[in-house]
């Protein structure tokens, strides 16, 4: 999906998750099951899990965060960040060079 709004999604957001008392990979796997989540990553740094989420409109946001995500065990905190503009999105292409036999 290169144009989220063409598919009815008007909100793109990142949610950084801090995990406590449970493996970050388990929390990420549970969160990845939600249809609003199109990417889930276990990361290093201040937060443990990073999500990319799409919503049809802002009215869905409280339900997603307060009713759905908050039910996942092991979440200590969530830091949502709404994308205000997409500068580059090339999900189907990766800058990987083919290497010879190692």
N, C-alpha and C. Protein backbone atom coordinates (compact mmCIF):
# COMPACT_ATOMS: atom_id res chain seq x y z
N UNK A 1 0.86 -1.18 0.00
CA UNK A 1 0.00 0.00 0.00
C UNK A 1 0.89 1.22 0.00
N UNK A 2 0.86 1.97 -1.07
CA UNK A 2 1.70 3.16 -1.13
C UNK A 2 0.91 4.43 -0.84
N UNK A 3 -0.41 4.38 -0.98
CA UNK A 3 -1.24 5.54 -0.70
C UNK A 3 -2.32 5.10 0.28
N UNK A 4 -2.08 5.36 1.56
CA UNK A 4 -2.98 4.89 2.60
C UNK A 4 -4.39 5.46 2.43
N UNK A 5 -4.49 6.72 2.08
CA UNK A 5 -5.81 7.34 1.95
C UNK A 5 -6.62 6.74 0.81
N UNK A 6 -5.94 6.24 -0.22
CA UNK A 6 -6.65 5.59 -1.33
C UNK A 6 -7.34 4.32 -0.86
N UNK A 7 -6.90 3.77 0.26
CA UNK A 7 -7.49 2.55 0.81
C UNK A 7 -8.36 2.84 2.03
N UNK A 8 -8.67 4.12 2.24
CA UNK A 8 -9.57 4.48 3.31
C UNK A 8 -8.93 4.77 4.65
N UNK A 9 -7.61 4.82 4.69
CA UNK A 9 -6.90 5.10 5.94
C UNK A 9 -6.42 6.55 5.93
N UNK A 10 -6.88 7.32 6.89
CA UNK A 10 -6.54 8.73 6.96
C UNK A 10 -5.60 9.08 8.09
N UNK A 11 -5.27 8.09 8.92
CA UNK A 11 -4.36 8.31 10.04
C UNK A 11 -3.26 7.27 9.98
N UNK A 12 -2.02 7.74 9.92
CA UNK A 12 -0.84 6.89 10.00
C UNK A 12 -0.10 7.29 11.26
N UNK A 13 0.26 6.32 12.08
CA UNK A 13 0.92 6.68 13.32
C UNK A 13 1.89 5.60 13.74
N UNK A 14 2.90 6.05 14.46
CA UNK A 14 3.86 5.17 15.11
C UNK A 14 3.46 5.10 16.57
N UNK A 15 3.57 3.91 17.16
CA UNK A 15 3.35 3.77 18.60
C UNK A 15 4.58 3.09 19.17
N UNK A 16 5.29 3.79 20.04
CA UNK A 16 6.44 3.24 20.73
C UNK A 16 5.95 2.65 22.05
N UNK A 17 6.34 1.42 22.33
CA UNK A 17 5.84 0.67 23.48
C UNK A 17 6.99 0.35 24.42
N UNK A 18 6.80 0.65 25.69
CA UNK A 18 7.74 0.23 26.72
C UNK A 18 7.15 -1.01 27.39
N UNK A 19 7.95 -2.06 27.50
CA UNK A 19 7.49 -3.35 28.01
C UNK A 19 8.06 -3.58 29.41
N UNK A 20 7.26 -4.23 30.25
CA UNK A 20 7.72 -4.56 31.61
C UNK A 20 7.11 -5.90 32.02
N UNK A 21 7.95 -6.80 32.51
CA UNK A 21 7.47 -8.06 33.06
C UNK A 21 7.15 -9.14 32.05
N UNK A 22 7.52 -8.93 30.82
CA UNK A 22 7.23 -9.89 29.75
C UNK A 22 8.21 -9.67 28.62
N UNK A 23 8.49 -10.68 27.85
CA UNK A 23 9.42 -10.55 26.72
C UNK A 23 8.84 -9.60 25.67
N UNK A 24 9.67 -8.69 25.21
CA UNK A 24 9.24 -7.72 24.19
C UNK A 24 8.74 -8.42 22.94
N UNK A 25 9.37 -9.52 22.57
CA UNK A 25 8.94 -10.24 21.37
C UNK A 25 7.54 -10.82 21.53
N UNK A 26 7.18 -11.23 22.73
CA UNK A 26 5.83 -11.75 22.98
C UNK A 26 4.79 -10.63 22.91
N UNK A 27 5.12 -9.48 23.49
CA UNK A 27 4.22 -8.32 23.43
C UNK A 27 4.04 -7.89 21.98
N UNK A 28 5.14 -7.81 21.24
CA UNK A 28 5.08 -7.41 19.83
C UNK A 28 4.23 -8.39 19.02
N UNK A 29 4.36 -9.68 19.29
CA UNK A 29 3.57 -10.68 18.57
C UNK A 29 2.08 -10.51 18.85
N UNK A 30 1.72 -10.23 20.11
CA UNK A 30 0.32 -10.01 20.45
C UNK A 30 -0.23 -8.76 19.75
N UNK A 31 0.56 -7.70 19.75
CA UNK A 31 0.13 -6.45 19.12
C UNK A 31 0.02 -6.60 17.60
N UNK A 32 0.90 -7.40 17.02
CA UNK A 32 0.89 -7.61 15.57
C UNK A 32 -0.39 -8.29 15.10
N UNK A 33 -1.11 -8.94 15.99
CA UNK A 33 -2.36 -9.61 15.63
C UNK A 33 -3.50 -8.64 15.35
N UNK A 34 -3.40 -7.39 15.82
CA UNK A 34 -4.45 -6.42 15.58
C UNK A 34 -4.43 -5.98 14.11
N UNK A 35 -5.58 -5.92 13.46
CA UNK A 35 -5.59 -5.57 12.03
C UNK A 35 -5.12 -4.15 11.75
N UNK A 36 -5.17 -3.25 12.72
CA UNK A 36 -4.70 -1.88 12.52
C UNK A 36 -3.18 -1.79 12.44
N UNK A 37 -2.48 -2.81 12.94
CA UNK A 37 -1.02 -2.82 12.96
C UNK A 37 -0.51 -3.45 11.66
N UNK A 38 0.24 -2.67 10.89
CA UNK A 38 0.79 -3.25 9.67
C UNK A 38 2.29 -3.49 9.76
N UNK A 39 2.92 -3.07 10.85
CA UNK A 39 4.33 -3.39 11.09
C UNK A 39 4.59 -3.35 12.59
N UNK A 40 5.31 -4.35 13.07
CA UNK A 40 5.69 -4.42 14.49
C UNK A 40 7.16 -4.81 14.56
N UNK A 41 7.93 -4.06 15.35
CA UNK A 41 9.37 -4.30 15.45
C UNK A 41 9.80 -4.32 16.91
N UNK A 42 10.67 -5.24 17.27
CA UNK A 42 11.35 -5.20 18.55
C UNK A 42 12.60 -4.36 18.31
N UNK A 43 12.81 -3.32 19.13
CA UNK A 43 13.87 -2.34 18.87
C UNK A 43 14.74 -2.12 20.11
N UNK A 44 15.85 -1.46 19.88
CA UNK A 44 16.71 -1.04 20.99
C UNK A 44 16.42 0.42 21.30
N UNK A 45 16.88 0.86 22.45
CA UNK A 45 16.67 2.26 22.81
C UNK A 45 15.70 2.42 23.95
N UNK A 46 15.10 3.57 24.03
CA UNK A 46 14.19 3.92 25.13
C UNK A 46 12.97 3.01 25.18
N UNK A 47 12.45 2.62 24.03
CA UNK A 47 11.28 1.75 23.96
C UNK A 47 11.69 0.38 23.46
N UNK A 48 10.82 -0.59 23.66
CA UNK A 48 11.13 -1.98 23.34
C UNK A 48 10.47 -2.47 22.05
N UNK A 49 9.30 -1.90 21.74
CA UNK A 49 8.53 -2.30 20.56
C UNK A 49 8.11 -1.04 19.82
N UNK A 50 8.17 -1.10 18.52
CA UNK A 50 7.74 0.01 17.68
C UNK A 50 6.70 -0.52 16.70
N UNK A 51 5.56 0.16 16.64
CA UNK A 51 4.48 -0.24 15.75
C UNK A 51 4.20 0.83 14.71
N UNK A 52 3.78 0.43 13.54
CA UNK A 52 3.20 1.34 12.56
C UNK A 52 1.75 0.94 12.43
N UNK A 53 0.87 1.92 12.59
CA UNK A 53 -0.56 1.68 12.69
C UNK A 53 -1.30 2.57 11.69
N UNK A 54 -2.36 2.05 11.10
CA UNK A 54 -3.23 2.86 10.25
C UNK A 54 -4.65 2.80 10.80
N UNK A 55 -5.33 3.95 10.72
CA UNK A 55 -6.72 4.05 11.16
C UNK A 55 -7.51 4.78 10.08
N UNK A 56 -8.79 4.51 10.03
CA UNK A 56 -9.64 5.20 9.06
C UNK A 56 -9.86 6.66 9.48
N UNK A 57 -9.99 6.91 10.78
CA UNK A 57 -10.13 8.29 11.26
C UNK A 57 -9.72 8.37 12.73
N UNK A 58 -9.60 9.59 13.24
CA UNK A 58 -9.13 9.82 14.59
C UNK A 58 -10.08 9.28 15.65
N UNK A 59 -11.35 9.12 15.32
CA UNK A 59 -12.31 8.61 16.29
C UNK A 59 -11.98 7.19 16.71
N UNK A 60 -11.22 6.45 15.90
CA UNK A 60 -10.82 5.08 16.24
C UNK A 60 -9.67 5.03 17.25
N UNK A 61 -8.97 6.13 17.42
CA UNK A 61 -7.76 6.15 18.25
C UNK A 61 -8.00 5.77 19.72
N UNK A 62 -8.96 6.37 20.42
CA UNK A 62 -9.16 5.98 21.83
C UNK A 62 -9.49 4.50 21.98
N UNK A 63 -10.34 3.97 21.09
CA UNK A 63 -10.70 2.56 21.17
C UNK A 63 -9.47 1.67 20.98
N UNK A 64 -8.62 2.01 20.02
CA UNK A 64 -7.43 1.21 19.76
C UNK A 64 -6.50 1.21 20.96
N UNK A 65 -6.18 2.39 21.48
CA UNK A 65 -5.21 2.49 22.57
C UNK A 65 -5.77 2.05 23.91
N UNK A 66 -6.99 2.47 24.23
CA UNK A 66 -7.55 2.23 25.56
C UNK A 66 -8.27 0.90 25.70
N UNK A 67 -8.90 0.43 24.64
CA UNK A 67 -9.66 -0.81 24.72
C UNK A 67 -8.93 -2.02 24.17
N UNK A 68 -8.11 -1.82 23.16
CA UNK A 68 -7.43 -2.95 22.54
C UNK A 68 -5.99 -3.12 23.06
N UNK A 69 -5.13 -2.15 22.75
CA UNK A 69 -3.72 -2.28 23.12
C UNK A 69 -3.53 -2.40 24.62
N UNK A 70 -4.30 -1.68 25.41
CA UNK A 70 -4.11 -1.69 26.86
C UNK A 70 -4.42 -3.05 27.48
N UNK A 71 -5.10 -3.91 26.76
CA UNK A 71 -5.42 -5.25 27.27
C UNK A 71 -4.25 -6.23 27.09
N UNK A 72 -3.24 -5.85 26.32
CA UNK A 72 -2.08 -6.71 26.10
C UNK A 72 -1.19 -6.66 27.34
N UNK A 73 -0.95 -7.81 27.92
CA UNK A 73 -0.12 -7.88 29.13
C UNK A 73 1.33 -7.54 28.82
N UNK A 74 1.94 -6.78 29.72
CA UNK A 74 3.35 -6.44 29.60
C UNK A 74 3.61 -5.04 29.10
N UNK A 75 2.57 -4.30 28.71
CA UNK A 75 2.78 -2.93 28.25
C UNK A 75 2.87 -2.01 29.47
N UNK A 76 4.00 -1.33 29.59
CA UNK A 76 4.18 -0.36 30.66
C UNK A 76 3.74 1.03 30.23
N UNK A 77 4.10 1.41 29.01
CA UNK A 77 3.68 2.71 28.49
C UNK A 77 3.61 2.68 26.97
N UNK A 78 2.83 3.61 26.42
CA UNK A 78 2.69 3.76 24.98
C UNK A 78 2.91 5.23 24.62
N UNK A 79 3.65 5.47 23.55
CA UNK A 79 3.90 6.83 23.08
C UNK A 79 3.48 6.91 21.62
N UNK A 80 2.23 7.32 21.35
CA UNK A 80 1.79 7.45 19.97
C UNK A 80 2.33 8.73 19.32
N UNK A 81 2.68 8.63 18.05
CA UNK A 81 3.14 9.79 17.28
C UNK A 81 2.45 9.74 15.92
N UNK A 82 1.62 10.72 15.64
CA UNK A 82 0.84 10.76 14.41
C UNK A 82 1.69 11.35 13.29
N UNK A 83 1.72 10.66 12.15
CA UNK A 83 2.45 11.17 10.99
C UNK A 83 1.65 12.31 10.38
N UNK A 84 2.30 13.45 10.21
CA UNK A 84 1.63 14.60 9.60
C UNK A 84 1.93 14.69 8.11
N UNK A 85 2.99 14.00 7.65
CA UNK A 85 3.31 13.98 6.23
C UNK A 85 4.22 12.78 5.98
N UNK A 86 4.01 12.08 4.89
CA UNK A 86 4.84 10.95 4.50
C UNK A 86 5.80 11.44 3.43
N UNK A 87 7.07 11.49 3.76
CA UNK A 87 8.10 11.98 2.84
C UNK A 87 8.56 10.86 1.90
N UNK A 88 8.77 9.67 2.46
CA UNK A 88 9.19 8.53 1.65
C UNK A 88 8.59 7.27 2.23
N UNK A 89 8.05 6.45 1.36
CA UNK A 89 7.52 5.16 1.76
C UNK A 89 7.71 4.19 0.61
N UNK A 90 8.71 3.34 0.74
CA UNK A 90 9.00 2.34 -0.30
C UNK A 90 9.13 1.00 0.40
N UNK A 91 8.02 0.43 0.75
CA UNK A 91 8.02 -0.80 1.53
C UNK A 91 8.45 -2.01 0.70
N UNK A 92 8.23 -1.98 -0.60
CA UNK A 92 8.52 -3.13 -1.44
C UNK A 92 9.94 -3.15 -1.99
N UNK A 93 10.75 -2.18 -1.63
CA UNK A 93 12.11 -2.09 -2.14
C UNK A 93 13.09 -1.93 -0.98
N UNK A 94 14.14 -2.72 -1.00
CA UNK A 94 15.18 -2.60 0.03
C UNK A 94 16.53 -2.42 -0.66
N UNK A 95 17.38 -1.56 -0.13
CA UNK A 95 18.69 -1.31 -0.74
C UNK A 95 19.69 -2.41 -0.40
N UNK A 96 19.43 -3.62 -0.88
CA UNK A 96 20.29 -4.76 -0.58
C UNK A 96 21.05 -5.12 -1.85
N UNK A 97 22.36 -5.16 -1.74
CA UNK A 97 23.19 -5.53 -2.88
C UNK A 97 23.38 -7.04 -2.88
N UNK A 98 23.37 -7.62 -4.07
CA UNK A 98 23.65 -9.04 -4.18
C UNK A 98 25.14 -9.25 -3.98
N UNK A 99 25.49 -10.21 -3.17
CA UNK A 99 26.89 -10.49 -2.90
C UNK A 99 27.26 -11.85 -3.47
N UNK A 100 28.51 -11.98 -3.81
CA UNK A 100 29.02 -13.24 -4.31
C UNK A 100 29.09 -14.27 -3.20
N UNK A 101 29.53 -15.46 -3.52
CA UNK A 101 29.66 -16.51 -2.50
C UNK A 101 30.63 -16.08 -1.44
N UNK A 102 30.28 -16.36 -0.21
CA UNK A 102 31.13 -15.99 0.93
C UNK A 102 31.93 -17.15 1.37
